[in-house]
N, C-alpha and C. Protein backbone atom coordinates (compact mmCIF):
# COMPACT_ATOMS: atom_id res chain seq x y z
N MET A 1 -45.01 -26.61 116.93
CA MET A 1 -44.13 -26.11 117.81
C MET A 1 -44.13 -24.42 117.18
N ALA A 2 -44.63 -24.21 115.88
CA ALA A 2 -44.03 -22.67 115.26
C ALA A 2 -44.71 -21.76 116.29
N GLY A 3 -45.67 -21.97 116.83
CA GLY A 3 -46.68 -21.15 117.55
C GLY A 3 -46.17 -20.84 119.08
N GLU A 4 -45.53 -21.75 119.73
CA GLU A 4 -45.32 -22.00 120.76
C GLU A 4 -44.31 -21.28 121.45
N ASN A 5 -44.73 -20.58 122.80
CA ASN A 5 -43.87 -19.84 123.49
C ASN A 5 -42.90 -20.59 124.28
N VAL A 6 -42.11 -19.87 124.47
CA VAL A 6 -40.72 -20.48 125.40
C VAL A 6 -40.23 -19.44 126.35
N VAL A 7 -39.44 -19.93 127.29
CA VAL A 7 -38.56 -19.22 128.18
C VAL A 7 -37.48 -18.37 127.35
N CYS A 8 -37.51 -17.25 127.63
CA CYS A 8 -36.34 -16.34 127.02
C CYS A 8 -35.36 -16.14 128.10
N LEU A 9 -34.46 -16.46 128.69
CA LEU A 9 -33.56 -15.97 129.94
C LEU A 9 -32.90 -14.51 129.73
N THR A 10 -33.08 -13.81 130.66
CA THR A 10 -32.35 -12.42 130.43
C THR A 10 -31.26 -12.60 131.65
N SER A 11 -31.64 -13.28 132.82
CA SER A 11 -30.53 -13.32 133.94
C SER A 11 -30.98 -14.57 134.60
N PRO A 12 -30.18 -15.12 135.56
CA PRO A 12 -30.64 -16.39 136.11
C PRO A 12 -31.90 -15.97 136.97
N GLU A 13 -31.89 -14.78 137.30
CA GLU A 13 -33.20 -14.51 138.47
C GLU A 13 -34.55 -14.43 137.74
N LYS A 14 -34.46 -13.98 136.49
CA LYS A 14 -35.79 -13.36 135.61
C LYS A 14 -35.98 -14.64 134.62
N ASP A 15 -37.26 -15.22 134.66
CA ASP A 15 -37.87 -15.84 133.30
C ASP A 15 -39.02 -15.08 132.94
N LEU A 16 -38.59 -14.78 131.47
CA LEU A 16 -39.55 -13.70 130.93
C LEU A 16 -40.17 -14.91 129.74
N GLU A 17 -41.36 -14.63 129.59
CA GLU A 17 -42.20 -15.40 128.15
C GLU A 17 -41.96 -14.79 127.38
N ALA A 18 -41.21 -15.15 126.36
CA ALA A 18 -41.12 -14.36 124.92
C ALA A 18 -41.71 -15.39 123.80
N GLU A 19 -41.50 -14.79 122.69
CA GLU A 19 -41.77 -15.69 121.30
C GLU A 19 -40.42 -15.87 120.82
N ARG A 20 -39.90 -17.48 120.57
CA ARG A 20 -38.97 -17.48 120.03
C ARG A 20 -38.87 -17.57 118.67
N LEU A 21 -37.72 -16.67 118.33
CA LEU A 21 -37.44 -16.37 116.61
C LEU A 21 -37.05 -18.17 116.08
N VAL A 22 -37.81 -17.86 114.81
CA VAL A 22 -37.40 -19.14 113.79
C VAL A 22 -37.33 -19.07 112.38
N GLY A 23 -36.74 -19.60 111.91
CA GLY A 23 -36.53 -19.47 110.28
C GLY A 23 -35.50 -18.31 110.13
N GLU A 24 -35.80 -17.33 108.91
CA GLU A 24 -35.01 -16.36 108.53
C GLU A 24 -34.79 -15.59 109.60
N SER A 25 -35.61 -15.03 110.83
CA SER A 25 -35.21 -14.27 111.68
C SER A 25 -34.28 -14.93 112.90
N ALA A 26 -34.33 -16.25 112.96
CA ALA A 26 -33.30 -16.61 113.50
C ALA A 26 -31.93 -16.95 113.22
N ALA A 27 -31.96 -16.91 111.85
CA ALA A 27 -30.72 -16.74 111.02
C ALA A 27 -29.97 -15.57 111.22
N LEU A 28 -30.78 -14.43 111.15
CA LEU A 28 -30.39 -13.03 110.98
C LEU A 28 -29.99 -12.81 112.38
N PHE A 29 -30.61 -13.35 113.44
CA PHE A 29 -29.88 -12.60 114.71
C PHE A 29 -28.85 -13.48 115.12
N THR A 30 -28.65 -14.74 114.66
CA THR A 30 -27.39 -15.25 114.93
C THR A 30 -26.17 -15.07 114.20
N SER A 31 -26.44 -14.67 113.11
CA SER A 31 -25.59 -13.72 112.16
C SER A 31 -24.89 -12.44 112.86
N ALA A 32 -25.69 -12.02 113.34
CA ALA A 32 -25.31 -10.71 113.56
C ALA A 32 -24.26 -10.42 114.85
N PRO A 33 -24.49 -10.98 116.07
CA PRO A 33 -23.36 -11.01 117.05
C PRO A 33 -22.03 -11.27 116.87
N GLY A 34 -21.90 -12.12 115.71
CA GLY A 34 -20.48 -12.37 115.09
C GLY A 34 -19.52 -11.14 114.83
N LEU A 35 -20.77 -10.40 113.75
CA LEU A 35 -20.13 -9.23 113.64
C LEU A 35 -19.73 -8.26 114.42
N ILE A 36 -20.96 -8.16 115.20
CA ILE A 36 -20.69 -7.10 116.30
C ILE A 36 -19.61 -7.31 117.45
N LEU A 37 -19.59 -8.42 117.55
CA LEU A 37 -18.13 -8.89 118.33
C LEU A 37 -17.01 -8.31 117.70
N HIS A 38 -16.75 -8.45 116.56
CA HIS A 38 -15.71 -7.97 115.66
C HIS A 38 -15.59 -6.61 116.08
N ILE A 39 -16.61 -5.86 115.63
CA ILE A 39 -16.77 -4.35 115.86
C ILE A 39 -16.46 -3.81 117.00
N SER A 40 -16.97 -4.69 118.15
CA SER A 40 -16.85 -4.26 119.71
C SER A 40 -15.30 -4.10 120.18
N GLN A 41 -14.73 -4.93 119.46
CA GLN A 41 -13.12 -4.83 119.91
C GLN A 41 -12.86 -3.44 120.06
N ASP A 42 -13.02 -2.71 119.07
CA ASP A 42 -12.65 -1.03 118.99
C ASP A 42 -13.64 -0.11 119.77
N ARG A 43 -14.87 -0.61 120.10
CA ARG A 43 -15.84 0.15 120.64
C ARG A 43 -16.12 -0.41 121.74
N PRO A 44 -15.41 0.46 123.14
CA PRO A 44 -15.96 0.12 124.38
C PRO A 44 -17.06 0.31 124.96
N ASP A 45 -17.74 1.07 124.29
CA ASP A 45 -19.19 1.56 124.90
C ASP A 45 -20.28 0.43 124.30
N ILE A 46 -20.02 -0.68 123.37
CA ILE A 46 -20.82 -1.58 122.92
C ILE A 46 -20.51 -2.88 123.47
N GLN A 47 -19.29 -3.08 124.35
CA GLN A 47 -18.73 -4.23 124.62
C GLN A 47 -19.69 -5.09 125.54
N PHE A 48 -20.26 -4.59 126.30
CA PHE A 48 -21.02 -5.08 127.62
C PHE A 48 -22.53 -5.65 126.84
N SER A 49 -23.03 -4.34 125.71
CA SER A 49 -24.49 -5.03 125.22
C SER A 49 -23.81 -6.33 124.12
N THR A 50 -22.78 -6.16 123.68
CA THR A 50 -22.36 -7.28 122.63
C THR A 50 -22.39 -8.70 123.63
N LYS A 51 -21.78 -8.65 124.46
CA LYS A 51 -21.52 -10.02 125.09
C LYS A 51 -23.01 -10.26 125.68
N VAL A 52 -23.73 -9.49 125.95
CA VAL A 52 -25.30 -10.11 126.63
C VAL A 52 -26.00 -10.36 125.34
N LEU A 53 -25.88 -9.99 124.12
CA LEU A 53 -26.64 -10.35 123.25
C LEU A 53 -25.92 -11.84 122.48
N ALA A 54 -24.64 -12.14 122.52
CA ALA A 54 -23.97 -13.43 122.18
C ALA A 54 -24.88 -14.31 123.18
N THR A 55 -25.04 -14.26 124.60
CA THR A 55 -25.76 -15.11 125.15
C THR A 55 -27.10 -15.73 124.72
N TYR A 56 -27.70 -14.80 123.83
CA TYR A 56 -28.87 -15.50 123.05
C TYR A 56 -28.55 -16.14 121.98
N MET A 57 -27.67 -16.59 121.42
CA MET A 57 -27.11 -16.85 120.13
C MET A 57 -27.83 -18.43 120.07
N ALA A 58 -27.78 -19.11 121.33
CA ALA A 58 -28.45 -20.62 121.15
C ALA A 58 -29.80 -20.46 121.53
N HIS A 59 -30.57 -19.61 121.97
CA HIS A 59 -32.09 -19.45 121.95
C HIS A 59 -32.40 -18.18 121.60
N PRO A 60 -32.31 -17.64 120.63
CA PRO A 60 -32.89 -16.17 120.26
C PRO A 60 -34.23 -16.10 120.32
N CYS A 61 -34.71 -14.77 120.83
CA CYS A 61 -36.10 -14.66 120.94
C CYS A 61 -36.34 -13.25 120.73
N VAL A 62 -37.56 -12.58 120.83
CA VAL A 62 -38.29 -11.49 120.41
C VAL A 62 -37.52 -10.34 121.04
N LYS A 63 -37.42 -10.44 122.18
CA LYS A 63 -36.78 -9.21 123.18
C LYS A 63 -35.14 -9.10 122.59
N ALA A 64 -34.79 -10.41 122.46
CA ALA A 64 -32.95 -10.41 121.99
C ALA A 64 -33.41 -9.44 120.62
N MET A 65 -34.00 -9.83 119.79
CA MET A 65 -34.06 -9.34 118.34
C MET A 65 -34.03 -7.75 118.71
N ALA A 66 -35.10 -7.44 119.71
CA ALA A 66 -35.18 -5.75 119.62
C ALA A 66 -34.20 -5.16 120.58
N ALA A 67 -33.31 -5.75 121.40
CA ALA A 67 -31.94 -5.30 121.86
C ALA A 67 -30.86 -5.17 120.85
N LEU A 68 -30.98 -6.07 119.78
CA LEU A 68 -30.16 -6.07 118.95
C LEU A 68 -30.22 -4.81 117.74
N ASN A 69 -31.60 -4.48 117.31
CA ASN A 69 -32.10 -3.47 116.78
C ASN A 69 -31.70 -2.21 117.46
N HIS A 70 -31.97 -2.24 118.89
CA HIS A 70 -31.66 -1.04 119.47
C HIS A 70 -29.80 -0.81 119.70
N LEU A 71 -29.47 -1.57 119.53
CA LEU A 71 -27.77 -1.61 119.46
C LEU A 71 -27.28 -0.75 118.24
N VAL A 72 -28.09 -1.18 116.96
CA VAL A 72 -27.74 -0.90 115.71
C VAL A 72 -28.04 0.56 115.71
N LEU A 73 -29.55 0.91 116.33
CA LEU A 73 -29.72 2.18 115.82
C LEU A 73 -28.62 2.98 117.11
N TYR A 74 -28.42 2.63 117.76
CA TYR A 74 -27.37 3.62 118.85
C TYR A 74 -26.22 3.59 118.12
N TRP A 75 -25.53 2.15 117.32
CA TRP A 75 -24.22 2.53 117.05
C TRP A 75 -24.34 3.32 115.38
N ASP A 76 -25.52 3.40 114.61
CA ASP A 76 -25.92 4.42 113.56
C ASP A 76 -25.95 5.68 114.08
N GLY A 77 -26.17 6.25 115.28
CA GLY A 77 -26.41 7.39 115.45
C GLY A 77 -24.80 7.98 116.46
N THR A 78 -23.77 7.15 116.34
CA THR A 78 -23.00 7.49 117.13
C THR A 78 -21.83 8.08 116.15
N CYS A 79 -20.78 8.67 116.43
CA CYS A 79 -19.88 9.56 115.28
C CYS A 79 -19.01 8.36 115.06
N TRP A 80 -18.90 7.06 115.55
CA TRP A 80 -17.80 6.12 115.18
C TRP A 80 -18.63 5.09 113.75
N SER A 81 -20.02 5.38 113.70
CA SER A 81 -20.53 4.62 112.71
C SER A 81 -19.84 4.84 111.11
N PRO A 82 -19.88 4.20 110.12
CA PRO A 82 -19.61 4.33 109.11
C PRO A 82 -20.29 5.43 108.18
N THR A 83 -21.66 5.29 108.57
CA THR A 83 -22.67 6.50 107.82
C THR A 83 -22.65 7.76 108.55
N ALA A 84 -21.92 7.80 109.74
CA ALA A 84 -22.01 9.35 110.41
C ALA A 84 -21.35 10.54 109.87
N GLU A 85 -21.78 11.64 109.58
CA GLU A 85 -21.21 12.37 109.02
C GLU A 85 -20.01 13.27 109.90
N VAL A 86 -18.65 13.58 109.50
CA VAL A 86 -17.98 13.81 110.18
C VAL A 86 -17.80 15.78 110.06
């Protein structure tokens, strides 16, 4: 079943075929939304994205991981990130 494609739902209206994350990638993805949920309490600009990412915790897919990477890159580029220079 490792190479099998499964459905990754982005909304009830859309069914997108995507590769399901397995192993270390899936573990990394499922641990990230918990941390982001904690951070998003103080960051209203990422709250909606965090909510959407949390819906993928049961069935993480490549598209959801790409969205997580995009959110992290956004967070790193904003003045609220711990690595941003003031």
